[in-house]
């Protein structure tokens, strides 16, 4: 039962537009490991295929390059793919095409702190 639930979780996992590729892929690798502990092995190529088919459209250029490599029966290195996705993510953030998740949280905290301080001053 656990194995089927984990496989379903893996199959339904998609990278969100604002999600950091490293975090998403690390989670997939954890799921892969847990599935292996249940007796089903998922090889790296299967994981790479899953990653490529579940990326946001902003990553299409990388996606196309790696799918072509797979079609040409070239081995795709998971670390290389992760590094390319990280670079693309950073470029998208720099270009303002996507917002960085961490900054969102920090900005929110700063605003909340300001609101608290302002509210505190107004009460004096």
PDB file of N, CA and C in Angstrom:
ATOM      1  N   UNK A   1       0.837  -1.209   0.000  1.00  0.00           N
ATOM      2  CA  UNK A   1       0.000   0.000   0.000  1.00  0.00           C
ATOM      3  C   UNK A   1       0.873   1.262   0.000  1.00  0.00           C
ATOM      4  N   UNK A   2       1.859   1.277   0.888  1.00  0.00           N
ATOM      5  CA  UNK A   2       2.773   2.410   0.986  1.00  0.00           C
ATOM      6  C   UNK A   2       3.478   2.655  -0.349  1.00  0.00           C
ATOM      7  N   UNK A   3       3.930   1.569  -0.992  1.00  0.00           N
ATOM      8  CA  UNK A   3       4.659   1.675  -2.261  1.00  0.00           C
ATOM      9  C   UNK A   3       3.795   2.366  -3.316  1.00  0.00           C
ATOM     10  N   UNK A   4       2.531   1.957  -3.430  1.00  0.00           N
ATOM     11  CA  UNK A   4       1.641   2.548  -4.442  1.00  0.00           C
ATOM     12  C   UNK A   4       1.415   4.031  -4.169  1.00  0.00           C
ATOM     13  N   UNK A   5       1.290   4.378  -2.889  1.00  0.00           N
ATOM     14  CA  UNK A   5       1.075   5.771  -2.509  1.00  0.00           C
ATOM     15  C   UNK A   5       2.296   6.617  -2.891  1.00  0.00           C
ATOM     16  N   UNK A   6       3.492   6.074  -2.637  1.00  0.00           N
ATOM     17  CA  UNK A   6       4.726   6.794  -2.965  1.00  0.00           C
ATOM     18  C   UNK A   6       4.899   6.958  -4.470  1.00  0.00           C
ATOM     19  N   UNK A   7       4.581   5.901  -5.224  1.00  0.00           N
ATOM     20  CA  UNK A   7       4.685   5.962  -6.690  1.00  0.00           C
ATOM     21  C   UNK A   7       3.700   6.992  -7.241  1.00  0.00           C
ATOM     22  N   UNK A   8       2.507   7.014  -6.692  1.00  0.00           N
ATOM     23  CA  UNK A   8       1.494   7.998  -7.110  1.00  0.00           C
ATOM     24  C   UNK A   8       2.003   9.419  -6.817  1.00  0.00           C
ATOM     25  N   UNK A   9       2.582   9.586  -5.629  1.00  0.00           N
ATOM     26  CA  UNK A   9       3.130  10.884  -5.232  1.00  0.00           C
ATOM     27  C   UNK A   9       4.221  11.323  -6.214  1.00  0.00           C
ATOM     28  N   UNK A  10       5.100  10.402  -6.566  1.00  0.00           N
ATOM     29  CA  UNK A  10       6.172  10.699  -7.519  1.00  0.00           C
ATOM     30  C   UNK A  10       5.585  11.060  -8.885  1.00  0.00           C
ATOM     31  N   UNK A  11       4.654  10.236  -9.358  1.00  0.00           N
ATOM     32  CA  UNK A  11       4.061  10.462 -10.684  1.00  0.00           C
ATOM     33  C   UNK A  11       3.322  11.784 -10.787  1.00  0.00           C
ATOM     34  N   UNK A  12       2.754  12.248  -9.684  1.00  0.00           N
ATOM     35  CA  UNK A  12       1.968  13.486  -9.720  1.00  0.00           C
ATOM     36  C   UNK A  12       2.794  14.722  -9.403  1.00  0.00           C
ATOM     37  N   UNK A  13       4.063  14.527  -9.058  1.00  0.00           N
ATOM     38  CA  UNK A  13       4.908  15.659  -8.675  1.00  0.00           C
ATOM     39  C   UNK A  13       5.311  16.477  -9.895  1.00  0.00           C
ATOM     40  N   UNK A  14       4.983  17.776  -9.843  1.00  0.00           N
ATOM     41  CA  UNK A  14       5.351  18.711 -10.898  1.00  0.00           C
ATOM     42  C   UNK A  14       6.110  19.866 -10.263  1.00  0.00           C
ATOM     43  N   UNK A  15       7.055  20.408 -11.009  1.00  0.00           N
ATOM     44  CA  UNK A  15       7.780  21.563 -10.482  1.00  0.00           C
ATOM     45  C   UNK A  15       6.934  22.816 -10.660  1.00  0.00           C
ATOM     46  N   UNK A  16       6.735  23.538  -9.583  1.00  0.00           N
ATOM     47  CA  UNK A  16       5.986  24.796  -9.648  1.00  0.00           C
ATOM     48  C   UNK A  16       6.830  25.875 -10.302  1.00  0.00           C
ATOM     49  N   UNK A  17       6.166  26.869 -10.875  1.00  0.00           N
ATOM     50  CA  UNK A  17       6.870  27.935 -11.603  1.00  0.00           C
ATOM     51  C   UNK A  17       7.898  28.642 -10.714  1.00  0.00           C
ATOM     52  N   UNK A  18       7.545  28.885  -9.450  1.00  0.00           N
ATOM     53  CA  UNK A  18       8.456  29.613  -8.554  1.00  0.00           C
ATOM     54  C   UNK A  18       9.359  28.672  -7.761  1.00  0.00           C
ATOM     55  N   UNK A  19       9.163  27.389  -7.916  1.00  0.00           N
ATOM     56  CA  UNK A  19       9.910  26.412  -7.125  1.00  0.00           C
ATOM     57  C   UNK A  19      11.380  26.346  -7.546  1.00  0.00           C
ATOM     58  N   UNK A  20      12.249  26.172  -6.566  1.00  0.00           N
ATOM     59  CA  UNK A  20      13.675  25.999  -6.855  1.00  0.00           C
ATOM     60  C   UNK A  20      13.889  24.580  -7.374  1.00  0.00           C
ATOM     61  N   UNK A  21      14.543  24.429  -8.531  1.00  0.00           N
ATOM     62  CA  UNK A  21      14.754  23.085  -9.089  1.00  0.00           C
ATOM     63  C   UNK A  21      15.461  22.134  -8.120  1.00  0.00           C
ATOM     64  N   UNK A  22      16.444  22.651  -7.382  1.00  0.00           N
ATOM     65  CA  UNK A  22      17.187  21.805  -6.436  1.00  0.00           C
ATOM     66  C   UNK A  22      16.267  21.159  -5.413  1.00  0.00           C
ATOM     67  N   UNK A  23      15.376  21.965  -4.851  1.00  0.00           N
ATOM     68  CA  UNK A  23      14.468  21.459  -3.818  1.00  0.00           C
ATOM     69  C   UNK A  23      13.536  20.394  -4.388  1.00  0.00           C
ATOM     70  N   UNK A  24      12.989  20.678  -5.564  1.00  0.00           N
ATOM     71  CA  UNK A  24      12.051  19.737  -6.180  1.00  0.00           C
ATOM     72  C   UNK A  24      12.743  18.416  -6.499  1.00  0.00           C
ATOM     73  N   UNK A  25      13.925  18.492  -7.097  1.00  0.00           N
ATOM     74  CA  UNK A  25      14.646  17.277  -7.484  1.00  0.00           C
ATOM     75  C   UNK A  25      15.091  16.494  -6.246  1.00  0.00           C
ATOM     76  N   UNK A  26      15.503  17.197  -5.199  1.00  0.00           N
ATOM     77  CA  UNK A  26      15.874  16.524  -3.950  1.00  0.00           C
ATOM     78  C   UNK A  26      14.681  15.757  -3.393  1.00  0.00           C
ATOM     79  N   UNK A  27      13.508  16.367  -3.440  1.00  0.00           N
ATOM     80  CA  UNK A  27      12.292  15.679  -2.976  1.00  0.00           C
ATOM     81  C   UNK A  27      12.001  14.445  -3.822  1.00  0.00           C
ATOM     82  N   UNK A  28      12.196  14.561  -5.141  1.00  0.00           N
ATOM     83  CA  UNK A  28      11.984  13.410  -6.024  1.00  0.00           C
ATOM     84  C   UNK A  28      12.969  12.288  -5.693  1.00  0.00           C
ATOM     85  N   UNK A  29      14.225  12.678  -5.418  1.00  0.00           N
ATOM     86  CA  UNK A  29      15.229  11.666  -5.080  1.00  0.00           C
ATOM     87  C   UNK A  29      14.875  10.966  -3.767  1.00  0.00           C
ATOM     88  N   UNK A  30      14.327  11.711  -2.813  1.00  0.00           N
ATOM     89  CA  UNK A  30      13.884  11.102  -1.549  1.00  0.00           C
ATOM     90  C   UNK A  30      12.759  10.108  -1.796  1.00  0.00           C
ATOM     91  N   UNK A  31      11.808  10.509  -2.634  1.00  0.00           N
ATOM     92  CA  UNK A  31      10.701   9.608  -2.978  1.00  0.00           C
ATOM     93  C   UNK A  31      11.232   8.355  -3.658  1.00  0.00           C
ATOM     94  N   UNK A  32      12.167   8.539  -4.582  1.00  0.00           N
ATOM     95  CA  UNK A  32      12.776   7.415  -5.294  1.00  0.00           C
ATOM     96  C   UNK A  32      13.413   6.439  -4.303  1.00  0.00           C
ATOM     97  N   UNK A  33      14.108   6.996  -3.313  1.00  0.00           N
ATOM     98  CA  UNK A  33      14.770   6.180  -2.292  1.00  0.00           C
ATOM     99  C   UNK A  33      13.735   5.412  -1.456  1.00  0.00           C
ATOM    100  N   UNK A  34      12.664   6.094  -1.064  1.00  0.00           N
ATOM    101  CA  UNK A  34      11.619   5.446  -0.263  1.00  0.00           C
ATOM    102  C   UNK A  34      10.916   4.349  -1.055  1.00  0.00           C
ATOM    103  N   UNK A  35      10.728   4.581  -2.349  1.00  0.00           N
ATOM    104  CA  UNK A  35      10.111   3.565  -3.211  1.00  0.00           C
ATOM    105  C   UNK A  35      11.045   2.357  -3.310  1.00  0.00           C
ATOM    106  N   UNK A  36      12.348   2.624  -3.424  1.00  0.00           N
ATOM    107  CA  UNK A  36      13.339   1.538  -3.487  1.00  0.00           C
ATOM    108  C   UNK A  36      13.302   0.705  -2.206  1.00  0.00           C
ATOM    109  N   UNK A  37      13.103   1.367  -1.069  1.00  0.00           N
ATOM    110  CA  UNK A  37      13.009   0.654   0.209  1.00  0.00           C
ATOM    111  C   UNK A  37      11.782  -0.255   0.248  1.00  0.00           C
ATOM    112  N   UNK A  38      10.785   0.081  -0.571  1.00  0.00           N
ATOM    113  CA  UNK A  38       9.576  -0.761  -0.661  1.00  0.00           C
ATOM    114  C   UNK A  38       9.729  -1.863  -1.712  1.00  0.00           C
ATOM    115  N   UNK A  39      10.899  -1.910  -2.368  1.00  0.00           N
ATOM    116  CA  UNK A  39      11.165  -3.004  -3.287  1.00  0.00           C
ATOM    117  C   UNK A  39      11.026  -2.704  -4.772  1.00  0.00           C
ATOM    118  N   UNK A  40      10.763  -1.446  -5.147  1.00  0.00           N
ATOM    119  CA  UNK A  40      10.698  -1.111  -6.575  1.00  0.00           C
ATOM    120  C   UNK A  40      11.818  -0.125  -6.902  1.00  0.00           C
ATOM    121  N   UNK A  41      12.644  -0.489  -7.854  1.00  0.00           N
ATOM    122  CA  UNK A  41      13.765   0.370  -8.233  1.00  0.00           C
ATOM    123  C   UNK A  41      13.365   1.275  -9.388  1.00  0.00           C
ATOM    124  N   UNK A  42      13.658   2.552  -9.225  1.00  0.00           N
ATOM    125  CA  UNK A  42      13.457   3.520 -10.303  1.00  0.00           C
ATOM    126  C   UNK A  42      14.852   3.985 -10.692  1.00  0.00           C
ATOM    127  N   UNK A  43      15.240   3.746 -11.951  1.00  0.00           N
ATOM    128  CA  UNK A  43      16.601   4.134 -12.320  1.00  0.00           C
ATOM    129  C   UNK A  43      16.674   5.628 -12.640  1.00  0.00           C
ATOM    130  N   UNK A  44      17.910   6.115 -12.736  1.00  0.00           N
ATOM    131  CA  UNK A  44      18.127   7.549 -12.945  1.00  0.00           C
ATOM    132  C   UNK A  44      17.473   8.050 -14.224  1.00  0.00           C
ATOM    133  N   UNK A  45      17.505   7.228 -15.296  1.00  0.00           N
ATOM    134  CA  UNK A  45      16.886   7.664 -16.551  1.00  0.00           C
ATOM    135  C   UNK A  45      15.385   7.881 -16.397  1.00  0.00           C
ATOM    136  N   UNK A  46      14.724   7.013 -15.627  1.00  0.00           N
ATOM    137  CA  UNK A  46      13.292   7.200 -15.375  1.00  0.00           C
ATOM    138  C   UNK A  46      13.051   8.507 -14.626  1.00  0.00           C
ATOM    139  N   UNK A  47      13.921   8.782 -13.647  1.00  0.00           N
ATOM    140  CA  UNK A  47      13.783  10.011 -12.866  1.00  0.00           C
ATOM    141  C   UNK A  47      14.031  11.232 -13.756  1.00  0.00           C
ATOM    142  N   UNK A  48      15.057  11.155 -14.605  1.00  0.00           N
ATOM    143  CA  UNK A  48      15.358  12.251 -15.533  1.00  0.00           C
ATOM    144  C   UNK A  48      14.159  12.498 -16.452  1.00  0.00           C
ATOM    145  N   UNK A  49      13.569  11.426 -16.975  1.00  0.00           N
ATOM    146  CA  UNK A  49      12.389  11.565 -17.847  1.00  0.00           C
ATOM    147  C   UNK A  49      11.244  12.246 -17.091  1.00  0.00           C
ATOM    148  N   UNK A  50      11.039  11.827 -15.859  1.00  0.00           N
ATOM    149  CA  UNK A  50       9.974  12.433 -15.054  1.00  0.00           C
ATOM    150  C   UNK A  50      10.229  13.931 -14.891  1.00  0.00           C
ATOM    151  N   UNK A  51      11.468  14.277 -14.566  1.00  0.00           N
ATOM    152  CA  UNK A  51      11.826  15.688 -14.377  1.00  0.00           C
ATOM    153  C   UNK A  51      11.544  16.474 -15.660  1.00  0.00           C
ATOM    154  N   UNK A  52      12.005  15.960 -16.788  1.00  0.00           N
ATOM    155  CA  UNK A  52      11.840  16.666 -18.058  1.00  0.00           C
ATOM    156  C   UNK A  52      10.377  16.852 -18.439  1.00  0.00           C
ATOM    157  N   UNK A  53       9.552  15.851 -18.141  1.00  0.00           N
ATOM    158  CA  UNK A  53       8.134  15.943 -18.518  1.00  0.00           C
ATOM    159  C   UNK A  53       7.286  16.745 -17.536  1.00  0.00           C
ATOM    160  N   UNK A  54       7.878  17.164 -16.421  1.00  0.00           N
ATOM    161  CA  UNK A  54       7.087  17.859 -15.404  1.00  0.00           C
ATOM    162  C   UNK A  54       7.662  19.213 -15.018  1.00  0.00           C
ATOM    163  N   UNK A  55       8.376  19.831 -15.956  1.00  0.00           N
ATOM    164  CA  UNK A  55       8.930  21.167 -15.741  1.00  0.00           C
ATOM    165  C   UNK A  55       7.953  22.232 -16.236  1.00  0.00           C
ATOM    166  N   UNK A  56       7.980  23.430 -15.628  1.00  0.00           N
ATOM    167  CA  UNK A  56       7.175  24.540 -16.172  1.00  0.00           C
ATOM    168  C   UNK A  56       7.680  24.923 -17.565  1.00  0.00           C
ATOM    169  N   UNK A  57       6.841  25.566 -18.358  1.00  0.00           N
ATOM    170  CA  UNK A  57       7.199  25.909 -19.743  1.00  0.00           C
ATOM    171  C   UNK A  57       8.420  26.825 -19.837  1.00  0.00           C
ATOM    172  N   UNK A  58       8.722  27.561 -18.767  1.00  0.00           N
ATOM    173  CA  UNK A  58       9.891  28.451 -18.775  1.00  0.00           C
ATOM    174  C   UNK A  58      11.191  27.684 -18.999  1.00  0.00           C
ATOM    175  N   UNK A  59      11.159  26.376 -18.789  1.00  0.00           N
ATOM    176  CA  UNK A  59      12.366  25.558 -18.902  1.00  0.00           C
ATOM    177  C   UNK A  59      12.411  24.756 -20.211  1.00  0.00           C
ATOM    178  N   UNK A  60      11.572  25.126 -21.171  1.00  0.00           N
ATOM    179  CA  UNK A  60      11.473  24.365 -22.427  1.00  0.00           C
ATOM    180  C   UNK A  60      12.797  24.210 -23.172  1.00  0.00           C
ATOM    181  N   UNK A  61      13.638  25.252 -23.157  1.00  0.00           N
ATOM    182  CA  UNK A  61      14.905  25.163 -23.906  1.00  0.00           C
ATOM    183  C   UNK A  61      15.783  24.039 -23.352  1.00  0.00           C
ATOM    184  N   UNK A  62      15.862  23.952 -22.036  1.00  0.00           N
ATOM    185  CA  UNK A  62      16.647  22.879 -21.401  1.00  0.00           C
ATOM    186  C   UNK A  62      15.984  21.538 -21.677  1.00  0.00           C
ATOM    187  N   UNK A  63      14.678  21.534 -21.526  1.00  0.00           N
ATOM    188  CA  UNK A  63      13.874  20.335 -21.751  1.00  0.00           C
ATOM    189  C   UNK A  63      14.161  19.751 -23.135  1.00  0.00           C
ATOM    190  N   UNK A  64      14.092  20.592 -24.160  1.00  0.00           N
ATOM    191  CA  UNK A  64      14.314  20.144 -25.541  1.00  0.00           C
ATOM    192  C   UNK A  64      15.709  19.568 -25.733  1.00  0.00           C
ATOM    193  N   UNK A  65      16.707  20.234 -25.152  1.00  0.00           N
ATOM    194  CA  UNK A  65      18.095  19.779 -25.287  1.00  0.00           C
ATOM    195  C   UNK A  65      18.256  18.373 -24.689  1.00  0.00           C
ATOM    196  N   UNK A  66      17.741  18.186 -23.502  1.00  0.00           N
ATOM    197  CA  UNK A  66      17.914  16.886 -22.829  1.00  0.00           C
ATOM    198  C   UNK A  66      17.073  15.786 -23.469  1.00  0.00           C
ATOM    199  N   UNK A  67      15.874  16.129 -23.934  1.00  0.00           N
ATOM    200  CA  UNK A  67      15.046  15.115 -24.614  1.00  0.00           C
ATOM    201  C   UNK A  67      15.722  14.666 -25.906  1.00  0.00           C
ATOM    202  N   UNK A  68      16.376  15.619 -26.591  1.00  0.00           N
ATOM    203  CA  UNK A  68      17.112  15.250 -27.814  1.00  0.00           C
ATOM    204  C   UNK A  68      18.264  14.301 -27.467  1.00  0.00           C
ATOM    205  N   UNK A  69      18.984  14.621 -26.386  1.00  0.00           N
ATOM    206  CA  UNK A  69      20.076  13.735 -25.942  1.00  0.00           C
ATOM    207  C   UNK A  69      19.546  12.329 -25.668  1.00  0.00           C
ATOM    208  N   UNK A  70      18.399  12.240 -25.001  1.00  0.00           N
ATOM    209  CA  UNK A  70      17.812  10.933 -24.699  1.00  0.00           C
ATOM    210  C   UNK A  70      17.400  10.211 -25.982  1.00  0.00           C
ATOM    211  N   UNK A  71      16.823  10.961 -26.923  1.00  0.00           N
ATOM    212  CA  UNK A  71      16.450  10.370 -28.215  1.00  0.00           C
ATOM    213  C   UNK A  71      17.674   9.821 -28.947  1.00  0.00           C
ATOM    214  N   UNK A  72      18.805  10.536 -28.790  1.00  0.00           N
ATOM    215  CA  UNK A  72      20.056  10.096 -29.422  1.00  0.00           C
ATOM    216  C   UNK A  72      20.760   9.024 -28.590  1.00  0.00           C
ATOM    217  N   UNK A  73      20.057   8.509 -27.614  1.00  0.00           N
ATOM    218  CA  UNK A  73      20.558   7.450 -26.716  1.00  0.00           C
ATOM    219  C   UNK A  73      21.809   7.851 -25.933  1.00  0.00           C
ATOM    220  N   UNK A  74      21.919   9.170 -25.658  1.00  0.00           N
ATOM    221  CA  UNK A  74      23.025   9.645 -24.820  1.00  0.00           C
ATOM    222  C   UNK A  74      22.573   9.550 -23.365  1.00  0.00           C
ATOM    223  N   UNK A  75      23.510   9.225 -22.496  1.00  0.00           N
ATOM    224  CA  UNK A  75      23.187   9.208 -21.071  1.00  0.00           C
ATOM    225  C   UNK A  75      23.030  10.636 -20.578  1.00  0.00           C
ATOM    226  N   UNK A  76      22.006  10.849 -19.761  1.00  0.00           N
ATOM    227  CA  UNK A  76      21.801  12.169 -19.177  1.00  0.00           C
ATOM    228  C   UNK A  76      22.182  12.087 -17.707  1.00  0.00           C
ATOM    229  N   UNK A  77      23.080  12.973 -17.320  1.00  0.00           N
ATOM    230  CA  UNK A  77      23.570  13.017 -15.954  1.00  0.00           C
ATOM    231  C   UNK A  77      22.613  13.865 -15.114  1.00  0.00           C
ATOM    232  N   UNK A  78      22.097  13.268 -14.053  1.00  0.00           N
ATOM    233  CA  UNK A  78      21.139  13.960 -13.189  1.00  0.00           C
ATOM    234  C   UNK A  78      21.740  15.228 -12.586  1.00  0.00           C
ATOM    235  N   UNK A  79      23.007  15.155 -12.187  1.00  0.00           N
ATOM    236  CA  UNK A  79      23.665  16.338 -11.603  1.00  0.00           C
ATOM    237  C   UNK A  79      23.809  17.455 -12.632  1.00  0.00           C
ATOM    238  N   UNK A  80      24.148  17.079 -13.872  1.00  0.00           N
ATOM    239  CA  UNK A  80      24.269  18.071 -14.938  1.00  0.00           C
ATOM    240  C   UNK A  80      22.940  18.742 -15.222  1.00  0.00           C
ATOM    241  N   UNK A  81      21.884  17.939 -15.263  1.00  0.00           N
ATOM    242  CA  UNK A  81      20.535  18.468 -15.492  1.00  0.00           C
ATOM    243  C   UNK A  81      20.149  19.420 -14.360  1.00  0.00           C
ATOM    244  N   UNK A  82      20.405  19.006 -13.129  1.00  0.00           N
ATOM    245  CA  UNK A  82      20.077  19.843 -11.972  1.00  0.00           C
ATOM    246  C   UNK A  82      20.828  21.168 -12.038  1.00  0.00           C
ATOM    247  N   UNK A  83      22.111  21.117 -12.390  1.00  0.00           N
ATOM    248  CA  UNK A  83      22.921  22.333 -12.497  1.00  0.00           C
ATOM    249  C   UNK A  83      22.382  23.263 -13.588  1.00  0.00           C
ATOM    250  N   UNK A  84      22.009  22.693 -14.739  1.00  0.00           N
ATOM    251  CA  UNK A  84      21.446  23.508 -15.829  1.00  0.00           C
ATOM    252  C   UNK A  84      20.118  24.143 -15.414  1.00  0.00           C
ATOM    253  N   UNK A  85      19.299  23.379 -14.710  1.00  0.00           N
ATOM    254  CA  UNK A  85      18.013  23.916 -14.245  1.00  0.00           C
ATOM    255  C   UNK A  85      18.226  25.039 -13.227  1.00  0.00           C
ATOM    256  N   UNK A  86      19.221  24.866 -12.364  1.00  0.00           N
ATOM    257  CA  UNK A  86      19.533  25.893 -11.361  1.00  0.00           C
ATOM    258  C   UNK A  86      19.964  27.186 -12.063  1.00  0.00           C
ATOM    259  N   UNK A  87      20.843  27.059 -13.076  1.00  0.00           N
ATOM    260  CA  UNK A  87      21.305  28.242 -13.833  1.00  0.00           C
ATOM    261  C   UNK A  87      20.129  28.936 -14.506  1.00  0.00           C
ATOM    262  N   UNK A  88      19.266  28.141 -15.130  1.00  0.00           N
ATOM    263  CA  UNK A  88      18.093  28.691 -15.819  1.00  0.00           C
ATOM    264  C   UNK A  88      17.183  29.394 -14.813  1.00  0.00           C
ATOM    265  N   UNK A  89      16.981  28.781 -13.652  1.00  0.00           N
ATOM    266  CA  UNK A  89      16.148  29.370 -12.601  1.00  0.00           C
ATOM    267  C   UNK A  89      16.720  30.726 -12.178  1.00  0.00           C
ATOM    268  N   UNK A  90      18.040  30.760 -11.930  1.00  0.00           N
ATOM    269  CA  UNK A  90      18.682  32.013 -11.515  1.00  0.00           C
ATOM    270  C   UNK A  90      18.545  33.082 -12.591  1.00  0.00           C
ATOM    271  N   UNK A  91      18.679  32.676 -13.862  1.00  0.00           N
ATOM    272  CA  UNK A  91      18.516  33.628 -14.976  1.00  0.00           C
ATOM    273  C   UNK A  91      17.091  34.171 -15.021  1.00  0.00           C
ATOM    274  N   UNK A  92      16.120  33.285 -14.844  1.00  0.00           N
ATOM    275  CA  UNK A  92      14.718  33.715 -14.859  1.00  0.00           C
ATOM    276  C   UNK A  92      14.436  34.690 -13.713  1.00  0.00           C
ATOM    277  N   UNK A  93      15.040  34.439 -12.561  1.00  0.00           N
ATOM    278  CA  UNK A  93      14.879  35.335 -11.413  1.00  0.00           C
ATOM    279  C   UNK A  93      15.510  36.687 -11.734  1.00  0.00           C
ATOM    280  N   UNK A  94      16.751  36.657 -12.270  1.00  0.00           N
ATOM    281  CA  UNK A  94      17.452  37.900 -12.616  1.00  0.00           C
ATOM    282  C   UNK A  94      16.678  38.725 -13.639  1.00  0.00           C
ATOM    283  N   UNK A  95      16.056  38.039 -14.599  1.00  0.00           N
ATOM    284  CA  UNK A  95      15.294  38.735 -15.649  1.00  0.00           C
ATOM    285  C   UNK A  95      13.928  39.198 -15.145  1.00  0.00           C
ATOM    286  N   UNK A  96      13.569  38.796 -13.936  1.00  0.00           N
ATOM    287  CA  UNK A  96      12.273  39.175 -13.381  1.00  0.00           C
ATOM    288  C   UNK A  96      11.125  38.348 -13.939  1.00  0.00           C
ATOM    289  N   UNK A  97      11.445  37.250 -14.632  1.00  0.00           N
ATOM    290  CA  UNK A  97      10.394  36.387 -15.192  1.00  0.00           C
ATOM    291  C   UNK A  97       9.697  35.577 -14.109  1.00  0.00           C
ATOM    292  N   UNK A  98      10.454  35.259 -13.058  1.00  0.00           N
ATOM    293  CA  UNK A  98       9.842  34.604 -11.899  1.00  0.00           C
ATOM    294  C   UNK A  98      10.395  35.259 -10.641  1.00  0.00           C
ATOM    295  N   UNK A  99       9.593  35.246  -9.590  1.00  0.00           N
ATOM    296  CA  UNK A  99      10.044  35.812  -8.316  1.00  0.00           C
ATOM    297  C   UNK A  99      10.718  34.716  -7.516  1.00  0.00           C
ATOM    298  N   UNK A 100      11.723  35.115  -6.769  1.00  0.00           N
ATOM    299  CA  UNK A 100      12.428  34.147  -5.935  1.00  0.00           C
ATOM    300  C   UNK A 100      11.601  33.894  -4.679  1.00  0.00           C
ATOM    301  N   UNK A 101      11.391  32.635  -4.370  1.00  0.00           N
ATOM    302  CA  UNK A 101      10.567  32.265  -3.216  1.00  0.00           C
ATOM    303  C   UNK A 101      11.073  32.844  -1.907  1.00  0.00           C
ATOM    304  N   UNK A 102      12.374  32.732  -1.644  1.00  0.00           N
ATOM    305  CA  UNK A 102      12.928  33.171  -0.360  1.00  0.00           C
ATOM    306  C   UNK A 102      12.685  34.657  -0.128  1.00  0.00           C
ATOM    307  N   UNK A 103      12.834  35.443  -1.183  1.00  0.00           N
ATOM    308  CA  UNK A 103      12.640  36.881  -1.055  1.00  0.00           C
ATOM    309  C   UNK A 103      11.189  37.179  -0.694  1.00  0.00           C
ATOM    310  N   UNK A 104      10.290  36.421  -1.265  1.00  0.00           N
ATOM    311  CA  UNK A 104       8.870  36.618  -0.938  1.00  0.00           C
ATOM    312  C   UNK A 104       8.662  36.514   0.564  1.00  0.00           C
ATOM    313  N   UNK A 105       9.222  35.448   1.150  1.00  0.00           N
ATOM    314  CA  UNK A 105       9.047  35.229   2.585  1.00  0.00           C
ATOM    315  C   UNK A 105       9.707  36.339   3.383  1.00  0.00           C
ATOM    316  N   UNK A 106      10.919  36.725   2.991  1.00  0.00           N
ATOM    317  CA  UNK A 106      11.632  37.768   3.718  1.00  0.00           C
ATOM    318  C   UNK A 106      10.907  39.105   3.609  1.00  0.00           C
ATOM    319  N   UNK A 107      10.446  39.443   2.413  1.00  0.00           N
ATOM    320  CA  UNK A 107       9.705  40.697   2.233  1.00  0.00           C
ATOM    321  C   UNK A 107       8.471  40.713   3.115  1.00  0.00           C
ATOM    322  N   UNK A 108       7.796  39.580   3.162  1.00  0.00           N
ATOM    323  CA  UNK A 108       6.583  39.478   3.976  1.00  0.00           C
ATOM    324  C   UNK A 108       6.922  39.700   5.449  1.00  0.00           C
ATOM    325  N   UNK A 109       8.016  39.091   5.902  1.00  0.00           N
ATOM    326  CA  UNK A 109       8.434  39.258   7.296  1.00  0.00           C
ATOM    327  C   UNK A 109       8.779  40.711   7.588  1.00  0.00           C
ATOM    328  N   UNK A 110       9.507  41.347   6.668  1.00  0.00           N
ATOM    329  CA  UNK A 110       9.877  42.753   6.856  1.00  0.00           C
ATOM    330  C   UNK A 110       8.621  43.606   6.959  1.00  0.00           C
ATOM    331  N   UNK A 111       7.664  43.363   6.061  1.00  0.00           N
ATOM    332  CA  UNK A 111       6.415  44.130   6.098  1.00  0.00           C
ATOM    333  C   UNK A 111       5.654  43.899   7.394  1.00  0.00           C
ATOM    334  N   UNK A 112       5.636  42.639   7.854  1.00  0.00           N
ATOM    335  CA  UNK A 112       4.939  42.330   9.101  1.00  0.00           C
ATOM    336  C   UNK A 112       5.623  43.017  10.276  1.00  0.00           C
ATOM    337  N   UNK A 113       6.964  43.010  10.280  1.00  0.00           N
ATOM    338  CA  UNK A 113       7.707  43.665  11.358  1.00  0.00           C
ATOM    339  C   UNK A 113       7.437  45.166  11.350  1.00  0.00           C
ATOM    340  N   UNK A 114       7.446  45.765  10.137  1.00  0.00           N
ATOM    341  CA  UNK A 114       7.167  47.195  10.017  1.00  0.00           C
ATOM    342  C   UNK A 114       5.773  47.510  10.540  1.00  0.00           C
ATOM    343  N   UNK A 115       4.821  46.669  10.158  1.00  0.00           N
ATOM    344  CA  UNK A 115       3.435  46.881  10.597  1.00  0.00           C
ATOM    345  C   UNK A 115       3.350  46.797  12.123  1.00  0.00           C
ATOM    346  N   UNK A 116       4.052  45.843  12.691  1.00  0.00           N
ATOM    347  CA  UNK A 116       4.051  45.703  14.154  1.00  0.00           C
ATOM    348  C   UNK A 116       4.662  46.936  14.826  1.00  0.00           C
ATOM    349  N   UNK A 117       5.821  47.400  14.287  1.00  0.00           N
ATOM    350  CA  UNK A 117       6.498  48.571  14.870  1.00  0.00           C
ATOM    351  C   UNK A 117       5.626  49.813  14.723  1.00  0.00           C
ATOM    352  N   UNK A 118       5.022  49.981  13.535  1.00  0.00           N
ATOM    353  CA  UNK A 118       4.165  51.127  13.284  1.00  0.00           C
ATOM    354  C   UNK A 118       2.974  51.086  14.230  1.00  0.00           C
ATOM    355  N   UNK A 119       2.375  49.936  14.327  1.00  0.00           N
ATOM    356  CA  UNK A 119       1.236  49.776  15.229  1.00  0.00           C
ATOM    357  C   UNK A 119       1.629  50.043  16.657  1.00  0.00           C
ATOM    358  N   UNK A 120       2.827  49.605  17.041  1.00  0.00           N
ATOM    359  CA  UNK A 120       3.313  49.801  18.409  1.00  0.00           C
ATOM    360  C   UNK A 120       3.522  51.286  18.699  1.00  0.00           C
ATOM    361  N   UNK A 121       4.137  52.005  17.721  1.00  0.00           N
ATOM    362  CA  UNK A 121       4.376  53.446  17.896  1.00  0.00           C
ATOM    363  C   UNK A 121       3.078  54.214  18.009  1.00  0.00           C
ATOM    364  N   UNK A 122       2.107  53.808  17.187  1.00  0.00           N
ATOM    365  CA  UNK A 122       0.812  54.503  17.200  1.00  0.00           C
ATOM    366  C   UNK A 122       0.084  54.321  18.518  1.00  0.00           C
ATOM    367  N   UNK A 123       0.384  53.233  19.216  1.00  0.00           N
ATOM    368  CA  UNK A 123      -0.296  52.971  20.478  1.00  0.00           C
ATOM    369  C   UNK A 123       0.286  53.780  21.629  1.00  0.00           C
ATOM    370  N   UNK A 124       1.482  54.347  21.446  1.00  0.00           N
ATOM    371  CA  UNK A 124       2.129  55.101  22.543  1.00  0.00           C
ATOM    372  C   UNK A 124       1.585  56.483  22.706  1.00  0.00           C
TER     373      UNK A 124
END
